[in-house]
Amino acid sequence: MSVIRAFRAVRPTPEYAAAVAELPYDVMNSDEARAEVAGQPWNFLHVDKAEVDLPPEVDLYDDRVYAKARENLDRLVSAGVCVEDDKPCLYLYRQIMGDRTQTGIVGCAAVDDYLNNVIKKHELTRADKERDRIRHVDACDANTGPIFLTYRGTDAIRAITAKYLAKTPACDFVKHDVRNTVWVIDDDADIAALVAAFEAVPSLYIADGHHRAASAAHVGQMRRQQFPDAPADAPFNYFLAVYFDAAELSIMDYNRVIRDLNGHTPDALLNALGAVMDVTAVGAEAYRPTEKHTFGMLLDGVWYALRAKPGTFDEADPVAGLDVSILQKNVIGPIFGIDDPRTDKRIDFVGGIRGLGELERRCGADMRVAFSMYPTTLDDLMSIADAGKIMPPKSTWFEPKLLSGLFIHKLS
């Protein structure tokens, strides 16, 4: 069974929602964040990337950064820009980007569900990134960024959410070309019905936010040690999440660019590829794969269509059969000499939201070759998580990104 818990969200008043809400802390660097907050005193990056309010030479992990984050969060509340709800509620959060719509239920997930693998993971996390968010959550005494969860939807859950979508929203605004709309689920009977409906959902899956989830769970465990007599329903035993029906989501491609040919000439590279791929020259027009086990490659201004040859991968293995695994195992590792794409500076990753034009731009600037990918599917993600396995790095790209600052969960 899965847990969803109502909570008293601290959230911006309607007139400030657009001024506060912002993209997650990890989609831009410090310089980009400083440019974003210029002239925006209530922008949530002042909380989530508080180094923007300190001299550039201050280390990102300096104690002053976390102290400033807490100061800025407190300022949002003291100024009346963000206000805590009078009673525990659940919330609906809908995003519309172009022709894509996704609607999630905002609530609190259980730390125990994370620890007991009811909330399933598909990525490894980095210790340094975890430490950063642990310190941030602990200093702020709050979850400031939601975890993006998905689940196999049920008619019971859909029926309740549909009722609220017909009501007047609490706020409705456009930010970064995405329409964001929030409704408050404050009826006790509907809250109880949703809690009961999620008890029938066997598993939740982290779509995005593995580091935030791991950090939130770690802080919950820290607080348990600090306050051993606290009740089981203490706020620190839960963390902020948005629960999305998998039927509403789709994953975008996550493409690769590589700095050099690892000593190969273009002809030698094409010959090496021919051992594991069927290779067809397409021409100058960008090639986007249309099915699994196919890839595009841009080399010296020419696009090629690649198809993995039968017998070069294990289709029965949910991880080995992923296109990102096939490309890494058969091409990026042995041909380009990049064995650890997590750390090798010769490879970079480009989210599908940037389009294939970004691959062409990078190949004209700092990179030599690019690979366009067919997107990983949600079925792939859930199957791998169900099997207790881990995806290769940079396997999934979700859009639109959940904005931070619309909901804050206090831990005490």
Protein backbone atom coordinates (compact mmCIF):
# COMPACT_ATOMS: atom_id res chain seq x y z
CA MET A 1 0.00 0.00 0.00
CA SER A 2 1.08 3.58 -0.64
CA VAL A 3 0.75 6.55 1.67
CA ILE A 4 -0.42 10.04 0.77
CA ARG A 5 -0.90 12.48 3.64
CA ALA A 6 -2.65 15.82 3.78
CA PHE A 7 -0.61 18.71 5.17
CA ARG A 8 -0.83 22.42 5.89
CA ALA A 9 1.08 23.81 2.94
CA VAL A 10 2.90 27.09 3.14
CA ARG A 11 2.18 28.56 -0.28
CA PRO A 12 2.16 31.90 -2.06
CA THR A 13 -0.99 33.96 -2.04
CA PRO A 14 -2.61 34.00 -5.52
CA GLU A 15 -1.26 37.41 -6.47
CA TYR A 16 2.31 36.30 -5.69
CA ALA A 17 2.23 32.76 -7.13
CA ALA A 18 3.89 33.65 -10.44
CA ALA A 19 6.48 35.84 -8.73
CA VAL A 20 7.49 33.08 -6.29
CA ALA A 21 7.30 29.85 -8.31
CA GLU A 22 10.46 28.90 -10.16
CA LEU A 23 12.18 25.99 -11.87
CA PRO A 24 14.00 23.47 -9.65
CA TYR A 25 17.40 24.36 -8.23
CA ASP A 26 19.21 21.72 -10.29
CA VAL A 27 18.24 22.83 -13.81
CA MET A 28 20.46 25.92 -13.82
CA ASN A 29 23.87 26.90 -12.54
CA SER A 30 24.60 29.73 -10.11
CA ASP A 31 25.28 32.32 -12.80
CA GLU A 32 22.05 31.47 -14.61
CA ALA A 33 20.17 31.65 -11.30
CA ARG A 34 21.64 35.08 -10.50
CA ALA A 35 20.46 36.34 -13.87
CA GLU A 36 17.02 34.81 -13.34
CA VAL A 37 16.41 36.47 -9.96
CA ALA A 38 17.53 39.94 -11.04
CA GLY A 39 14.71 42.32 -10.11
CA GLN A 40 12.66 39.46 -8.63
CA PRO A 41 12.84 39.70 -4.82
CA TRP A 42 10.34 36.87 -4.21
CA ASN A 43 11.71 34.37 -6.74
CA PHE A 44 12.10 31.00 -5.00
CA LEU A 45 15.68 30.61 -6.20
CA HIS A 46 16.51 32.95 -3.32
CA VAL A 47 15.61 29.92 -1.17
CA ASP A 48 16.61 26.97 -3.31
CA LYS A 49 19.88 28.48 -4.61
CA ALA A 50 20.61 31.01 -1.90
CA GLU A 51 24.16 31.59 -3.15
CA VAL A 52 22.54 34.09 -5.55
CA ASP A 53 22.43 36.50 -2.59
CA LEU A 54 26.07 36.00 -1.59
CA PRO A 55 29.33 37.03 -3.29
CA PRO A 56 30.21 34.72 -6.22
CA GLU A 57 33.41 33.58 -4.52
CA VAL A 58 31.44 31.97 -1.64
CA ASP A 59 31.56 28.18 -1.93
CA LEU A 60 28.23 26.56 -2.83
CA TYR A 61 28.43 24.42 0.30
CA ASP A 62 29.44 27.17 2.70
CA ASP A 63 27.36 27.36 5.90
CA ARG A 64 26.33 30.87 4.88
CA VAL A 65 24.44 29.52 1.87
CA TYR A 66 22.15 27.37 4.01
CA ALA A 67 21.68 30.11 6.59
CA LYS A 68 20.70 32.51 3.80
CA ALA A 69 18.21 29.96 2.44
CA ARG A 70 16.45 29.83 5.82
CA GLU A 71 16.54 33.61 6.12
CA ASN A 72 14.97 34.03 2.69
CA LEU A 73 12.30 31.41 3.38
CA ASP A 74 11.39 33.13 6.64
CA ARG A 75 11.23 36.45 4.78
CA LEU A 76 8.62 35.08 2.34
CA VAL A 77 6.43 34.14 5.30
CA SER A 78 7.00 37.24 7.42
CA ALA A 79 6.20 39.48 4.44
CA GLY A 80 2.90 37.66 3.89
CA VAL A 81 3.96 36.53 0.42
CA CYS A 82 3.57 32.88 1.51
CA VAL A 83 0.93 31.82 4.01
CA GLU A 84 0.30 28.53 5.80
CA ASP A 85 -3.10 26.92 5.25
CA ASP A 86 -5.45 26.69 8.22
CA LYS A 87 -5.97 22.93 7.95
CA PRO A 88 -4.30 19.91 6.34
CA CYS A 89 -5.26 19.61 2.68
CA LEU A 90 -4.29 17.83 -0.49
CA TYR A 91 -3.86 19.82 -3.70
CA LEU A 92 -4.11 19.38 -7.44
CA TYR A 93 -1.32 20.78 -9.59
CA ARG A 94 -1.87 20.89 -13.35
CA GLN A 95 0.72 21.91 -15.94
CA ILE A 96 0.05 22.55 -19.61
CA MET A 97 3.01 22.84 -22.00
CA GLY A 98 1.97 23.06 -25.63
CA ASP A 99 -0.26 20.07 -26.27
CA ARG A 100 0.93 18.21 -23.17
CA THR A 101 -1.09 18.24 -19.94
CA GLN A 102 -0.19 16.56 -16.65
CA THR A 103 -2.11 16.79 -13.38
CA GLY A 104 -0.74 15.56 -10.08
CA ILE A 105 -1.97 15.32 -6.51
CA VAL A 106 0.22 17.22 -4.05
CA GLY A 107 0.62 15.61 -0.66
CA CYS A 108 3.20 14.10 1.63
CA ALA A 109 4.83 10.72 1.02
CA ALA A 110 6.07 8.60 3.89
CA VAL A 111 9.73 8.29 4.76
CA ASP A 112 9.02 4.64 5.62
CA ASP A 113 7.62 4.05 2.13
CA TYR A 114 10.96 5.28 0.77
CA LEU A 115 12.99 3.15 3.17
CA ASN A 116 10.86 0.02 2.59
CA ASN A 117 10.91 0.41 -1.22
CA VAL A 118 7.20 1.04 -1.62
CA ILE A 119 8.61 4.13 -3.33
CA LYS A 120 10.81 2.56 -5.98
CA LYS A 121 13.99 4.09 -7.39
CA HIS A 122 15.68 3.67 -10.76
CA GLU A 123 18.77 5.93 -10.41
CA LEU A 124 21.87 6.02 -8.27
CA THR A 125 22.50 9.18 -6.29
CA ARG A 126 25.71 11.11 -5.67
CA ALA A 127 26.84 11.61 -2.08
CA ASP A 128 27.83 15.26 -2.60
CA LYS A 129 24.43 16.17 -4.02
CA GLU A 130 22.67 14.34 -1.22
CA ARG A 131 24.71 16.16 1.43
CA ASP A 132 23.82 19.50 -0.12
CA ARG A 133 20.06 18.88 0.00
CA ILE A 134 20.25 17.28 3.45
CA ARG A 135 21.83 20.46 4.78
CA HIS A 136 19.33 22.59 2.88
CA VAL A 137 16.27 20.72 4.19
CA ASP A 138 17.67 20.66 7.71
CA ALA A 139 18.51 24.37 7.73
CA CYS A 140 15.14 25.38 6.27
CA ASP A 141 13.28 22.90 8.47
CA ALA A 142 11.15 22.26 5.41
CA ASN A 143 10.87 20.42 2.12
CA THR A 144 11.04 23.23 -0.42
CA GLY A 145 11.05 21.20 -3.63
CA PRO A 146 8.58 18.40 -4.44
CA ILE A 147 9.49 14.86 -5.46
CA PHE A 148 7.99 13.87 -8.83
CA LEU A 149 6.26 10.51 -8.24
CA THR A 150 4.24 8.38 -10.60
CA TYR A 151 1.93 5.42 -10.11
CA ARG A 152 -0.43 3.16 -12.03
CA GLY A 153 -3.66 5.12 -11.82
CA THR A 154 -7.05 3.90 -10.61
CA ASP A 155 -10.61 4.92 -11.44
CA ALA A 156 -11.25 5.84 -7.79
CA ILE A 157 -8.44 8.40 -7.76
CA ARG A 158 -9.36 9.78 -11.18
CA ALA A 159 -12.99 10.29 -10.16
CA ILE A 160 -12.09 12.46 -7.17
CA THR A 161 -9.53 14.57 -9.03
CA ALA A 162 -11.96 15.15 -11.92
CA LYS A 163 -14.44 16.73 -9.51
CA TYR A 164 -11.92 19.35 -8.42
CA LEU A 165 -10.74 20.17 -11.91
CA ALA A 166 -14.23 21.54 -12.55
CA LYS A 167 -13.91 24.01 -9.66
CA THR A 168 -12.38 27.48 -9.50
CA PRO A 169 -8.61 27.18 -9.01
CA ALA A 170 -6.66 28.74 -6.16
CA CYS A 171 -4.14 30.15 -8.64
CA ASP A 172 -3.55 30.04 -12.37
CA PHE A 173 -0.55 31.57 -14.14
CA VAL A 174 2.00 31.08 -16.92
CA LYS A 175 5.72 30.77 -16.16
CA HIS A 176 8.43 29.78 -18.65
CA ASP A 177 5.75 29.08 -21.29
CA VAL A 178 4.00 26.55 -19.03
CA ARG A 179 0.53 27.15 -17.59
CA ASN A 180 0.41 26.19 -13.90
CA THR A 181 -2.90 25.76 -12.07
CA VAL A 182 -3.56 24.77 -8.45
CA TRP A 183 -6.74 23.58 -6.74
CA VAL A 184 -7.17 22.94 -3.02
CA ILE A 185 -8.72 19.63 -1.91
CA ASP A 186 -10.04 20.64 1.49
CA ASP A 187 -13.11 18.43 1.91
CA ASP A 188 -12.36 15.91 4.66
CA ALA A 189 -14.38 13.16 2.98
CA ASP A 190 -12.53 13.58 -0.31
CA ILE A 191 -9.17 13.63 1.48
CA ALA A 192 -10.07 10.42 3.30
CA ALA A 193 -11.23 8.82 0.06
CA LEU A 194 -7.93 9.66 -1.66
CA VAL A 195 -5.90 8.36 1.27
CA ALA A 196 -7.89 5.10 1.11
CA ALA A 197 -7.56 4.89 -2.68
CA PHE A 198 -3.77 5.18 -2.49
CA GLU A 199 -3.69 2.38 0.06
CA ALA A 200 -4.74 0.17 -2.87
CA VAL A 201 -1.79 1.37 -4.99
CA PRO A 202 0.99 -1.16 -4.45
CA SER A 203 3.96 0.98 -5.53
CA LEU A 204 5.05 4.52 -6.23
CA TYR A 205 7.93 5.36 -8.56
CA ILE A 206 10.34 8.28 -8.48
CA ALA A 207 10.15 9.87 -11.91
CA ASP A 208 12.38 12.81 -11.03
CA GLY A 209 14.01 13.96 -7.81
CA HIS A 210 16.06 11.01 -6.56
CA HIS A 211 18.48 13.28 -4.69
CA ARG A 212 15.67 15.29 -3.09
CA ALA A 213 13.91 12.08 -2.03
CA ALA A 214 17.04 10.49 -0.57
CA SER A 215 17.86 13.71 1.29
CA ALA A 216 14.34 14.11 2.66
CA ALA A 217 14.36 10.53 3.94
CA HIS A 218 17.77 11.06 5.52
CA VAL A 219 16.60 14.19 7.34
CA GLY A 220 13.57 12.25 8.56
CA GLN A 221 15.87 9.61 10.04
CA MET A 222 18.05 12.31 11.63
CA ARG A 223 15.01 13.85 13.29
CA ARG A 224 13.89 10.46 14.60
CA GLN A 225 17.20 10.16 16.40
CA GLN A 226 16.95 13.71 17.71
CA PHE A 227 13.34 13.31 18.86
CA PRO A 228 12.85 9.64 19.77
CA ASP A 229 9.62 10.36 21.65
CA ALA A 230 7.94 12.19 18.75
CA PRO A 231 4.66 10.68 17.50
CA ALA A 232 4.59 8.50 14.40
CA ASP A 233 2.72 11.19 12.49
CA ALA A 234 5.34 13.88 13.17
CA PRO A 235 5.81 16.00 10.02
CA PHE A 236 9.45 14.98 9.61
CA ASN A 237 8.30 11.40 8.91
CA TYR A 238 6.87 12.65 5.59
CA PHE A 239 8.13 14.64 2.62
CA LEU A 240 6.64 16.79 -0.11
CA ALA A 241 5.65 14.99 -3.31
CA VAL A 242 3.42 15.30 -6.37
CA TYR A 243 1.74 12.04 -7.42
CA PHE A 244 1.09 11.70 -11.17
CA ASP A 245 -0.98 9.03 -12.88
CA ALA A 246 1.45 7.32 -15.28
CA ALA A 247 -1.17 7.55 -18.04
CA GLU A 248 -0.68 11.33 -18.09
CA LEU A 249 3.11 11.33 -18.39
CA SER A 250 5.59 10.85 -21.18
CA ILE A 251 9.37 10.81 -21.21
CA MET A 252 11.40 12.86 -23.65
CA ASP A 253 14.61 11.80 -25.34
CA TYR A 254 17.89 12.36 -23.51
CA ASN A 255 20.57 12.80 -26.15
CA ARG A 256 24.37 12.50 -26.12
CA VAL A 257 27.17 14.70 -27.48
CA ILE A 258 30.84 13.65 -27.52
CA ARG A 259 33.85 15.92 -27.72
CA ASP A 260 36.15 13.91 -30.05
CA LEU A 261 36.42 10.70 -32.06
CA ASN A 262 38.86 9.00 -29.67
CA GLY A 263 41.62 9.01 -32.31
CA HIS A 264 39.43 7.54 -35.09
CA THR A 265 39.08 9.07 -38.51
CA PRO A 266 35.45 9.53 -39.62
CA ASP A 267 35.76 6.52 -41.97
CA ALA A 268 37.25 4.37 -39.22
CA LEU A 269 34.46 5.40 -36.88
CA LEU A 270 31.81 4.44 -39.43
CA ASN A 271 33.51 1.09 -40.01
CA ALA A 272 33.60 0.38 -36.27
CA LEU A 273 29.95 1.30 -35.97
CA GLY A 274 29.09 -1.05 -38.81
CA ALA A 275 30.07 -4.03 -36.66
CA VAL A 276 27.24 -3.38 -34.20
CA MET A 277 24.82 -1.12 -36.09
CA ASP A 278 23.21 -0.96 -39.48
CA VAL A 279 24.31 2.49 -40.66
CA THR A 280 22.48 4.58 -43.28
CA ALA A 281 23.46 8.09 -44.32
CA VAL A 282 20.43 10.41 -44.16
CA GLY A 283 21.89 13.78 -45.11
CA ALA A 284 21.77 17.25 -43.63
CA GLU A 285 18.24 16.97 -42.20
CA ALA A 286 18.15 16.08 -38.50
CA TYR A 287 17.19 12.47 -37.85
CA ARG A 288 14.88 11.63 -34.95
CA PRO A 289 14.52 7.90 -34.15
CA THR A 290 10.94 6.63 -34.35
CA GLU A 291 11.22 3.25 -32.60
CA LYS A 292 13.26 1.36 -30.03
CA HIS A 293 16.80 0.27 -30.84
CA THR A 294 17.27 3.01 -33.44
CA PHE A 295 19.49 6.07 -33.10
CA GLY A 296 20.49 9.17 -34.99
CA MET A 297 24.11 10.26 -35.32
CA LEU A 298 25.45 13.62 -36.47
CA LEU A 299 29.04 13.57 -37.72
CA ASP A 300 30.69 16.36 -39.70
CA GLY A 301 27.37 17.86 -40.77
CA VAL A 302 25.84 14.57 -41.93
CA TRP A 303 23.08 12.72 -40.09
CA TYR A 304 23.04 8.93 -40.05
CA ALA A 305 20.29 6.49 -39.07
CA LEU A 306 21.58 3.65 -36.88
CA ARG A 307 19.84 0.41 -35.95
CA ALA A 308 21.25 -2.01 -33.38
CA LYS A 309 22.02 -5.36 -34.99
CA PRO A 310 20.25 -8.43 -33.62
CA GLY A 311 22.36 -10.33 -31.13
CA THR A 312 24.27 -7.25 -29.93
CA PHE A 313 22.08 -6.79 -26.82
CA ASP A 314 19.94 -8.83 -24.45
CA GLU A 315 16.30 -7.98 -25.11
CA ALA A 316 15.17 -10.08 -22.13
CA ASP A 317 17.11 -7.94 -19.64
CA PRO A 318 15.10 -4.76 -18.83
CA VAL A 319 18.29 -2.72 -18.33
CA ALA A 320 20.51 -4.21 -21.04
CA GLY A 321 17.66 -3.82 -23.54
CA LEU A 322 17.40 -0.06 -23.00
CA ASP A 323 18.64 2.03 -25.90
CA VAL A 324 20.86 4.07 -23.58
CA SER A 325 22.46 0.77 -22.43
CA ILE A 326 22.91 -0.51 -25.97
CA LEU A 327 24.58 2.70 -27.10
CA GLN A 328 26.85 2.81 -24.06
CA LYS A 329 27.84 -0.87 -24.17
CA ASN A 330 28.38 -1.18 -27.91
CA VAL A 331 29.43 2.29 -29.01
CA ILE A 332 30.25 4.93 -26.39
CA GLY A 333 32.38 2.59 -24.28
CA PRO A 334 34.32 0.45 -26.77
CA ILE A 335 34.54 2.90 -29.68
CA PHE A 336 34.78 6.27 -27.95
CA GLY A 337 36.59 5.01 -24.85
CA ILE A 338 34.10 6.56 -22.42
CA ASP A 339 33.56 3.88 -19.81
CA ASP A 340 32.04 6.04 -17.07
CA PRO A 341 29.65 8.58 -18.56
CA ARG A 342 28.90 9.94 -15.08
CA THR A 343 32.37 11.40 -14.70
CA ASP A 344 34.01 11.56 -18.15
CA LYS A 345 34.22 15.18 -19.31
CA ARG A 346 34.30 14.12 -22.99
CA ILE A 347 30.57 13.40 -22.98
CA ASP A 348 27.61 15.64 -22.25
CA PHE A 349 23.85 15.11 -22.22
CA VAL A 350 21.16 17.24 -23.85
CA GLY A 351 17.53 17.01 -22.75
CA GLY A 352 14.98 16.56 -25.50
CA ILE A 353 13.26 19.82 -24.61
CA ARG A 354 16.16 21.61 -26.34
CA GLY A 355 15.46 19.88 -29.66
CA LEU A 356 17.80 18.35 -32.21
CA GLY A 357 18.91 21.82 -33.21
CA GLU A 358 20.84 21.97 -29.94
CA LEU A 359 22.78 18.87 -31.00
CA GLU A 360 23.68 20.58 -34.26
CA ARG A 361 24.71 23.71 -32.40
CA ARG A 362 26.93 21.78 -29.99
CA CYS A 363 28.60 19.91 -32.85
CA GLY A 364 29.39 23.26 -34.41
CA ALA A 365 30.83 24.57 -31.16
CA ASP A 366 32.46 22.33 -28.56
CA MET A 367 31.53 18.78 -29.62
CA ARG A 368 32.34 16.55 -32.60
CA VAL A 369 29.57 13.95 -32.73
CA ALA A 370 26.00 13.70 -31.42
CA PHE A 371 23.52 10.86 -30.91
CA SER A 372 19.76 11.37 -30.90
CA MET A 373 17.83 8.83 -28.87
CA TYR A 374 14.40 7.23 -28.87
CA PRO A 375 12.82 8.05 -25.49
CA THR A 376 12.78 5.55 -22.67
CA THR A 377 9.18 4.60 -21.83
CA LEU A 378 7.38 4.73 -18.49
CA ASP A 379 6.83 0.98 -18.78
CA ASP A 380 10.61 0.59 -19.02
CA LEU A 381 11.10 2.77 -15.96
CA MET A 382 8.55 0.92 -13.84
CA SER A 383 9.70 -2.53 -14.98
CA ILE A 384 13.29 -1.75 -14.05
CA ALA A 385 12.27 -0.28 -10.69
CA ASP A 386 10.04 -3.30 -10.00
CA ALA A 387 13.01 -5.57 -10.70
CA GLY A 388 15.12 -3.61 -8.21
CA LYS A 389 17.54 -2.57 -10.94
CA ILE A 390 19.12 0.75 -11.82
CA MET A 391 18.97 2.62 -15.11
CA PRO A 392 22.12 3.98 -16.72
CA PRO A 393 22.73 7.69 -16.05
CA LYS A 394 20.72 10.21 -18.03
CA SER A 395 18.09 7.76 -19.21
CA THR A 396 14.96 9.89 -18.74
CA TRP A 397 13.97 13.52 -19.23
CA PHE A 398 10.60 14.69 -17.97
CA GLU A 399 8.91 17.91 -19.06
CA PRO A 400 7.46 20.14 -17.89
CA LYS A 401 9.49 20.47 -14.71
CA LEU A 402 7.61 20.90 -11.44
CA LEU A 403 7.98 24.43 -10.14
CA SER A 404 9.35 24.93 -6.64
CA GLY A 405 7.81 27.40 -4.20
CA LEU A 406 4.15 26.63 -4.85
CA PHE A 407 4.05 24.25 -1.89
CA ILE A 408 6.32 24.13 1.16
CA HIS A 409 6.11 21.35 3.75
CA LYS A 410 7.29 22.32 7.24
CA LEU A 411 9.03 19.60 9.23
CA SER A 412 8.07 20.95 12.65
